[in-house]
């Protein structure tokens, strides 16, 4: 067990996994990580949902985590996506991520098999017994068809390794969590558009998709929220609001990869069953980036 509960705050990027010719593009991944760190990002998630964890092989999954760890070189914490719908698989990924040098683990709720709340508690408790790393819970019922309820989060918050929760359902649920467990674990927004509201309620930051594209602006949004400068935070929020909508107008990470391609950072290649966004959405993203002087 960890001797001190870790803390995760500010703007944390859920990195995309660049691809070229069907393989991971490690050169593009290096460029992305370096840009994130130069922009002042507070942490990086390697191979989360945005990193196409569902379509990477296990070998690719661990290789990407190790690459991000190596490039980051302890300048910022690297949180490894290690979730699975089988507890044994999640434990194996956790241990491999720990060996790869990750600083913490992001564990999405098991998907598809719809465990009970007791099953969820036992799942996370079993993972905590098998790794020394801090654990960030991840609740995104819209993707997983599995909802980690506040009472279960409260039980899990008694486990010292459970350091935070990425809540991606709605602001009401996040506010319930902040009220109930916010004094014990960090509550992070899992949805860019909710960052301002959740941080105003006492949340600690965001695990962001938009920061792949505009990292400095998302950092500034979180800094303004944390310092209580809500006027500044609102101004940044409304400036980013069109991007938040565009990045989820079609299944993610298609739009964010298209934005990064338009910025010249990488190819927009995805792995099936994910596919390229529609020309209409691509044109809207290009228009937004052009207005920002980025495309």
Protein backbone atom coordinates (compact mmCIF):
# COMPACT_ATOMS: atom_id res chain seq x y z
CA UNK A 1 0.00 0.00 0.00
CA UNK A 2 1.08 3.56 -0.64
CA UNK A 3 2.20 5.45 2.45
CA UNK A 4 0.81 8.79 1.30
CA UNK A 5 -2.17 9.46 -0.92
CA UNK A 6 -1.04 10.92 -4.24
CA UNK A 7 -2.61 14.06 -5.70
CA UNK A 8 -3.59 14.73 -9.32
CA UNK A 9 -4.58 18.26 -10.21
CA UNK A 10 -4.69 20.73 -13.08
CA UNK A 11 -4.66 20.02 -16.81
CA UNK A 12 -3.84 16.41 -17.66
CA UNK A 13 -3.87 15.40 -21.33
CA UNK A 14 -5.44 12.15 -22.48
CA UNK A 15 -2.91 11.63 -25.27
CA UNK A 16 -3.86 10.34 -28.68
CA UNK A 17 -1.74 7.51 -30.07
CA UNK A 18 -0.34 8.66 -33.44
CA UNK A 19 -0.35 6.03 -36.17
CA UNK A 20 1.17 5.74 -39.63
CA UNK A 21 0.80 2.80 -42.00
CA UNK A 22 -1.02 0.75 -39.38
CA UNK A 23 1.73 1.07 -36.76
CA UNK A 24 2.31 3.43 -33.86
CA UNK A 25 4.17 6.56 -34.99
CA UNK A 26 6.65 7.04 -32.17
CA UNK A 27 8.30 10.10 -33.73
CA UNK A 28 4.95 11.91 -33.78
CA UNK A 29 4.25 10.76 -30.23
CA UNK A 30 7.55 12.27 -29.12
CA UNK A 31 6.65 15.59 -30.73
CA UNK A 32 3.27 15.57 -29.05
CA UNK A 33 4.68 14.84 -25.59
CA UNK A 34 7.33 17.53 -25.94
CA UNK A 35 4.75 20.13 -27.00
CA UNK A 36 2.56 19.20 -24.05
CA UNK A 37 5.37 19.60 -21.54
CA UNK A 38 6.53 22.89 -23.10
CA UNK A 39 2.98 24.21 -22.72
CA UNK A 40 3.03 23.54 -18.98
CA UNK A 41 0.72 20.54 -18.86
CA UNK A 42 0.36 18.96 -15.40
CA UNK A 43 0.29 15.32 -16.45
CA UNK A 44 -0.16 12.88 -19.31
CA UNK A 45 -2.41 9.86 -19.73
CA UNK A 46 -0.91 7.26 -22.04
CA UNK A 47 -3.26 4.80 -23.76
CA UNK A 48 -6.55 5.87 -22.30
CA UNK A 49 -9.74 5.86 -24.36
CA UNK A 50 -8.42 8.76 -26.46
CA UNK A 51 -5.25 6.74 -27.02
CA UNK A 52 -7.31 3.99 -28.69
CA UNK A 53 -6.63 1.48 -25.94
CA UNK A 54 -9.38 -0.76 -27.26
CA UNK A 55 -7.60 -1.40 -30.56
CA UNK A 56 -3.93 -1.55 -29.53
CA UNK A 57 -2.37 -4.92 -28.89
CA UNK A 58 -1.05 -5.55 -25.37
CA UNK A 59 2.51 -5.23 -26.66
CA UNK A 60 1.72 -1.90 -28.33
CA UNK A 61 -0.14 -0.73 -25.24
CA UNK A 62 2.86 -1.23 -22.96
CA UNK A 63 5.32 0.04 -25.56
CA UNK A 64 3.41 3.33 -25.89
CA UNK A 65 3.33 3.77 -22.11
CA UNK A 66 7.07 3.15 -21.88
CA UNK A 67 7.76 5.57 -24.71
CA UNK A 68 5.75 8.33 -23.05
CA UNK A 69 7.50 7.63 -19.74
CA UNK A 70 10.91 7.79 -21.42
CA UNK A 71 10.17 11.02 -23.30
CA UNK A 72 8.56 12.70 -20.29
CA UNK A 73 11.64 11.78 -18.23
CA UNK A 74 9.93 12.58 -14.92
CA UNK A 75 9.16 16.16 -15.97
CA UNK A 76 5.46 15.44 -15.52
CA UNK A 77 3.65 12.38 -14.13
CA UNK A 78 2.59 9.74 -16.62
CA UNK A 79 -0.68 7.97 -15.88
CA UNK A 80 -1.07 4.66 -17.67
CA UNK A 81 -4.43 3.55 -18.97
CA UNK A 82 -4.65 0.05 -17.53
CA UNK A 83 -8.36 -0.74 -17.43
CA UNK A 84 -9.97 -3.95 -18.57
CA UNK A 85 -13.29 -5.69 -18.34
CA UNK A 86 -11.63 -8.67 -16.65
CA UNK A 87 -9.98 -8.02 -13.31
CA UNK A 88 -7.09 -10.38 -14.07
CA UNK A 89 -6.37 -8.51 -17.30
CA UNK A 90 -6.49 -5.15 -15.50
CA UNK A 91 -4.03 -6.44 -12.91
CA UNK A 92 -1.66 -7.67 -15.63
CA UNK A 93 -1.79 -4.31 -17.40
CA UNK A 94 -1.25 -2.52 -14.08
CA UNK A 95 1.82 -4.55 -13.27
CA UNK A 96 3.23 -4.13 -16.78
CA UNK A 97 2.60 -0.37 -16.58
CA UNK A 98 4.39 -0.23 -13.25
CA UNK A 99 7.36 -2.06 -14.77
CA UNK A 100 7.31 0.39 -17.69
CA UNK A 101 7.81 3.27 -15.25
CA UNK A 102 4.32 4.78 -15.06
CA UNK A 103 3.59 7.02 -12.09
CA UNK A 104 -0.06 6.07 -11.70
CA UNK A 105 -2.86 4.03 -13.24
CA UNK A 106 -6.15 5.09 -14.81
CA UNK A 107 -8.75 2.34 -14.45
CA UNK A 108 -11.97 2.64 -16.38
CA UNK A 109 -14.88 0.65 -15.01
CA UNK A 110 -15.21 -2.81 -16.57
CA UNK A 111 -17.21 -2.49 -19.77
CA UNK A 112 -19.85 -4.67 -21.42
CA UNK A 113 -20.29 -7.23 -18.63
CA UNK A 114 -22.12 -4.79 -16.30
CA UNK A 115 -20.85 -5.79 -12.82
CA UNK A 116 -22.75 -4.94 -9.66
CA UNK A 117 -21.53 -2.24 -7.29
CA UNK A 118 -20.06 -4.95 -5.07
CA UNK A 119 -18.31 -6.40 -8.10
CA UNK A 120 -16.87 -2.98 -8.91
CA UNK A 121 -15.61 -2.54 -5.37
CA UNK A 122 -13.94 -5.95 -5.40
CA UNK A 123 -12.46 -5.26 -8.85
CA UNK A 124 -10.69 -2.10 -7.72
CA UNK A 125 -9.72 -3.53 -4.35
CA UNK A 126 -8.10 -6.50 -6.09
CA UNK A 127 -6.11 -4.20 -8.37
CA UNK A 128 -4.93 -2.14 -5.39
CA UNK A 129 -3.59 -5.26 -3.72
CA UNK A 130 -1.45 -6.14 -6.75
CA UNK A 131 0.27 -2.83 -7.53
CA UNK A 132 2.02 -0.09 -5.57
CA UNK A 133 0.94 2.70 -7.92
CA UNK A 134 -1.79 5.27 -7.19
CA UNK A 135 -5.09 4.51 -8.89
CA UNK A 136 -7.41 6.95 -10.63
CA UNK A 137 -10.93 5.60 -11.01
CA UNK A 138 -12.63 6.39 -14.31
CA UNK A 139 -16.40 6.52 -14.63
CA UNK A 140 -17.78 7.00 -18.13
CA UNK A 141 -21.12 5.16 -18.26
CA UNK A 142 -21.94 6.50 -21.72
CA UNK A 143 -19.15 4.34 -23.11
CA UNK A 144 -19.04 1.41 -20.70
CA UNK A 145 -22.72 0.85 -19.78
CA UNK A 146 -21.42 0.64 -16.21
CA UNK A 147 -21.95 3.36 -13.61
CA UNK A 148 -19.68 3.64 -10.56
CA UNK A 149 -22.05 5.11 -7.97
CA UNK A 150 -21.02 7.66 -5.30
CA UNK A 151 -21.54 5.22 -2.43
CA UNK A 152 -19.12 2.79 -4.07
CA UNK A 153 -16.61 5.57 -4.70
CA UNK A 154 -16.88 6.45 -1.00
CA UNK A 155 -15.99 2.86 -0.09
CA UNK A 156 -13.09 2.87 -2.53
CA UNK A 157 -11.82 6.19 -1.15
CA UNK A 158 -10.99 4.29 2.03
CA UNK A 159 -8.26 2.49 0.05
CA UNK A 160 -5.17 4.67 0.31
CA UNK A 161 -3.98 3.93 -3.23
CA UNK A 162 -7.21 5.30 -4.69
CA UNK A 163 -6.13 8.87 -5.32
CA UNK A 164 -8.67 10.37 -7.70
CA UNK A 165 -11.66 9.82 -9.93
CA UNK A 166 -12.13 10.96 -13.50
CA UNK A 167 -15.87 11.57 -13.64
CA UNK A 168 -17.29 11.75 -17.16
CA UNK A 169 -21.03 11.47 -16.59
CA UNK A 170 -22.35 14.93 -15.68
CA UNK A 171 -21.82 17.92 -13.40
CA UNK A 172 -24.51 16.77 -10.97
CA UNK A 173 -22.68 13.51 -10.32
CA UNK A 174 -19.35 15.32 -10.01
CA UNK A 175 -20.83 17.69 -7.45
CA UNK A 176 -22.14 14.72 -5.43
CA UNK A 177 -18.66 13.19 -5.47
CA UNK A 178 -16.96 16.43 -4.46
CA UNK A 179 -19.38 16.80 -1.56
CA UNK A 180 -18.98 13.21 -0.47
CA UNK A 181 -15.31 12.34 -1.07
CA UNK A 182 -13.61 15.54 -2.23
CA UNK A 183 -11.75 15.84 1.05
CA UNK A 184 -10.14 12.44 0.50
CA UNK A 185 -9.57 12.03 -3.25
CA UNK A 186 -9.23 14.42 -6.18
CA UNK A 187 -12.31 14.72 -8.40
CA UNK A 188 -11.36 15.45 -12.01
CA UNK A 189 -13.59 16.35 -14.92
CA UNK A 190 -13.62 13.74 -17.64
CA UNK A 191 -15.30 16.06 -20.13
CA UNK A 192 -13.69 19.29 -21.34
CA UNK A 193 -16.91 21.25 -21.46
CA UNK A 194 -17.53 20.56 -17.75
CA UNK A 195 -14.10 21.64 -16.51
CA UNK A 196 -15.07 25.14 -15.43
CA UNK A 197 -18.24 24.04 -13.66
CA UNK A 198 -16.61 21.10 -11.87
CA UNK A 199 -13.59 23.12 -10.75
CA UNK A 200 -15.85 25.92 -9.53
CA UNK A 201 -17.57 23.30 -7.35
CA UNK A 202 -14.26 22.14 -5.91
CA UNK A 203 -12.96 19.71 -8.51
CA UNK A 204 -9.20 19.65 -8.99
CA UNK A 205 -8.78 19.64 -12.76
CA UNK A 206 -9.50 17.80 -15.98
CA UNK A 207 -8.27 14.85 -17.97
CA UNK A 208 -8.62 16.59 -21.29
CA UNK A 209 -8.95 15.73 -24.97
CA UNK A 210 -8.83 19.36 -26.12
CA UNK A 211 -5.39 19.87 -24.58
CA UNK A 212 -3.95 17.61 -27.29
CA UNK A 213 -4.72 20.50 -29.64
CA UNK A 214 -4.46 23.62 -27.45
CA UNK A 215 -2.56 22.57 -24.33
CA UNK A 216 -1.57 26.03 -23.10
CA UNK A 217 -5.15 27.29 -23.18
CA UNK A 218 -6.43 24.30 -21.16
CA UNK A 219 -3.59 24.82 -18.67
CA UNK A 220 -4.59 28.48 -18.34
CA UNK A 221 -8.24 27.51 -17.85
CA UNK A 222 -7.34 25.21 -14.96
CA UNK A 223 -4.97 27.75 -13.43
CA UNK A 224 -7.63 30.45 -13.55
CA UNK A 225 -10.17 28.12 -11.92
CA UNK A 226 -7.73 27.03 -9.22
CA UNK A 227 -6.82 30.62 -8.36
CA UNK A 228 -10.45 31.71 -8.16
CA UNK A 229 -10.24 34.01 -11.18
CA UNK A 230 -13.61 32.95 -12.55
CA UNK A 231 -13.88 35.89 -14.94
CA UNK A 232 -10.69 34.78 -16.66
CA UNK A 233 -11.80 31.14 -16.52
CA UNK A 234 -15.13 31.99 -18.17
CA UNK A 235 -13.38 33.91 -20.94
CA UNK A 236 -11.10 30.95 -21.71
CA UNK A 237 -14.01 28.50 -21.46
CA UNK A 238 -16.09 30.41 -23.99
CA UNK A 239 -13.09 30.79 -26.31
CA UNK A 240 -12.57 27.00 -26.23
CA UNK A 241 -16.26 26.09 -26.28
CA UNK A 242 -16.49 25.66 -30.09
CA UNK A 243 -13.50 23.31 -30.01
CA UNK A 244 -15.05 21.27 -27.21
CA UNK A 245 -18.10 20.73 -29.39
CA UNK A 246 -16.14 19.94 -32.54
CA UNK A 247 -13.97 17.32 -30.87
CA UNK A 248 -17.01 15.28 -29.90
CA UNK A 249 -19.27 15.97 -32.86
CA UNK A 250 -18.26 12.53 -34.16
CA UNK A 251 -16.75 9.55 -32.32
CA UNK A 252 -13.53 10.42 -30.52
CA UNK A 253 -10.61 10.34 -31.18
CA UNK A 254 -11.40 10.91 -34.86
CA UNK A 255 -11.91 14.68 -34.55
CA UNK A 256 -8.91 15.33 -32.30
CA UNK A 257 -6.63 13.33 -34.60
CA UNK A 258 -7.93 15.33 -37.57
CA UNK A 259 -7.19 18.56 -35.69
CA UNK A 260 -3.63 17.41 -34.97
CA UNK A 261 -3.18 16.42 -38.61
CA UNK A 262 -4.38 19.86 -39.69
CA UNK A 263 -1.84 21.35 -37.31
CA UNK A 264 0.90 19.29 -38.98
CA UNK A 265 1.64 17.28 -35.84
CA UNK A 266 0.85 13.79 -37.19
CA UNK A 267 -1.28 11.76 -39.58
CA UNK A 268 -4.91 11.53 -38.64
CA UNK A 269 -4.88 7.75 -39.07
CA UNK A 270 -7.15 5.64 -36.88
CA UNK A 271 -7.50 1.92 -36.42
CA UNK A 272 -10.74 0.17 -37.37
CA UNK A 273 -13.51 0.17 -36.31
CA UNK A 274 -12.71 3.87 -35.85
CA UNK A 275 -12.54 5.75 -39.14
CA UNK A 276 -11.92 9.21 -40.53
CA UNK A 277 -14.34 12.02 -39.76
CA UNK A 278 -16.65 13.46 -42.38
CA UNK A 279 -15.38 16.21 -44.72
CA UNK A 280 -17.89 18.64 -43.27
CA UNK A 281 -16.59 18.28 -39.72
CA UNK A 282 -12.99 18.42 -40.93
CA UNK A 283 -13.75 21.74 -42.64
CA UNK A 284 -15.24 23.16 -39.44
CA UNK A 285 -12.20 22.09 -37.42
CA UNK A 286 -9.91 23.64 -40.04
CA UNK A 287 -11.89 26.88 -39.87
CA UNK A 288 -11.56 27.00 -36.07
CA UNK A 289 -7.82 26.32 -36.18
CA UNK A 290 -7.29 28.88 -38.95
CA UNK A 291 -8.98 31.50 -36.79
CA UNK A 292 -6.47 30.60 -34.07
CA UNK A 293 -3.57 30.87 -36.50
CA UNK A 294 -2.88 27.13 -36.28
CA UNK A 295 -3.90 25.84 -39.71
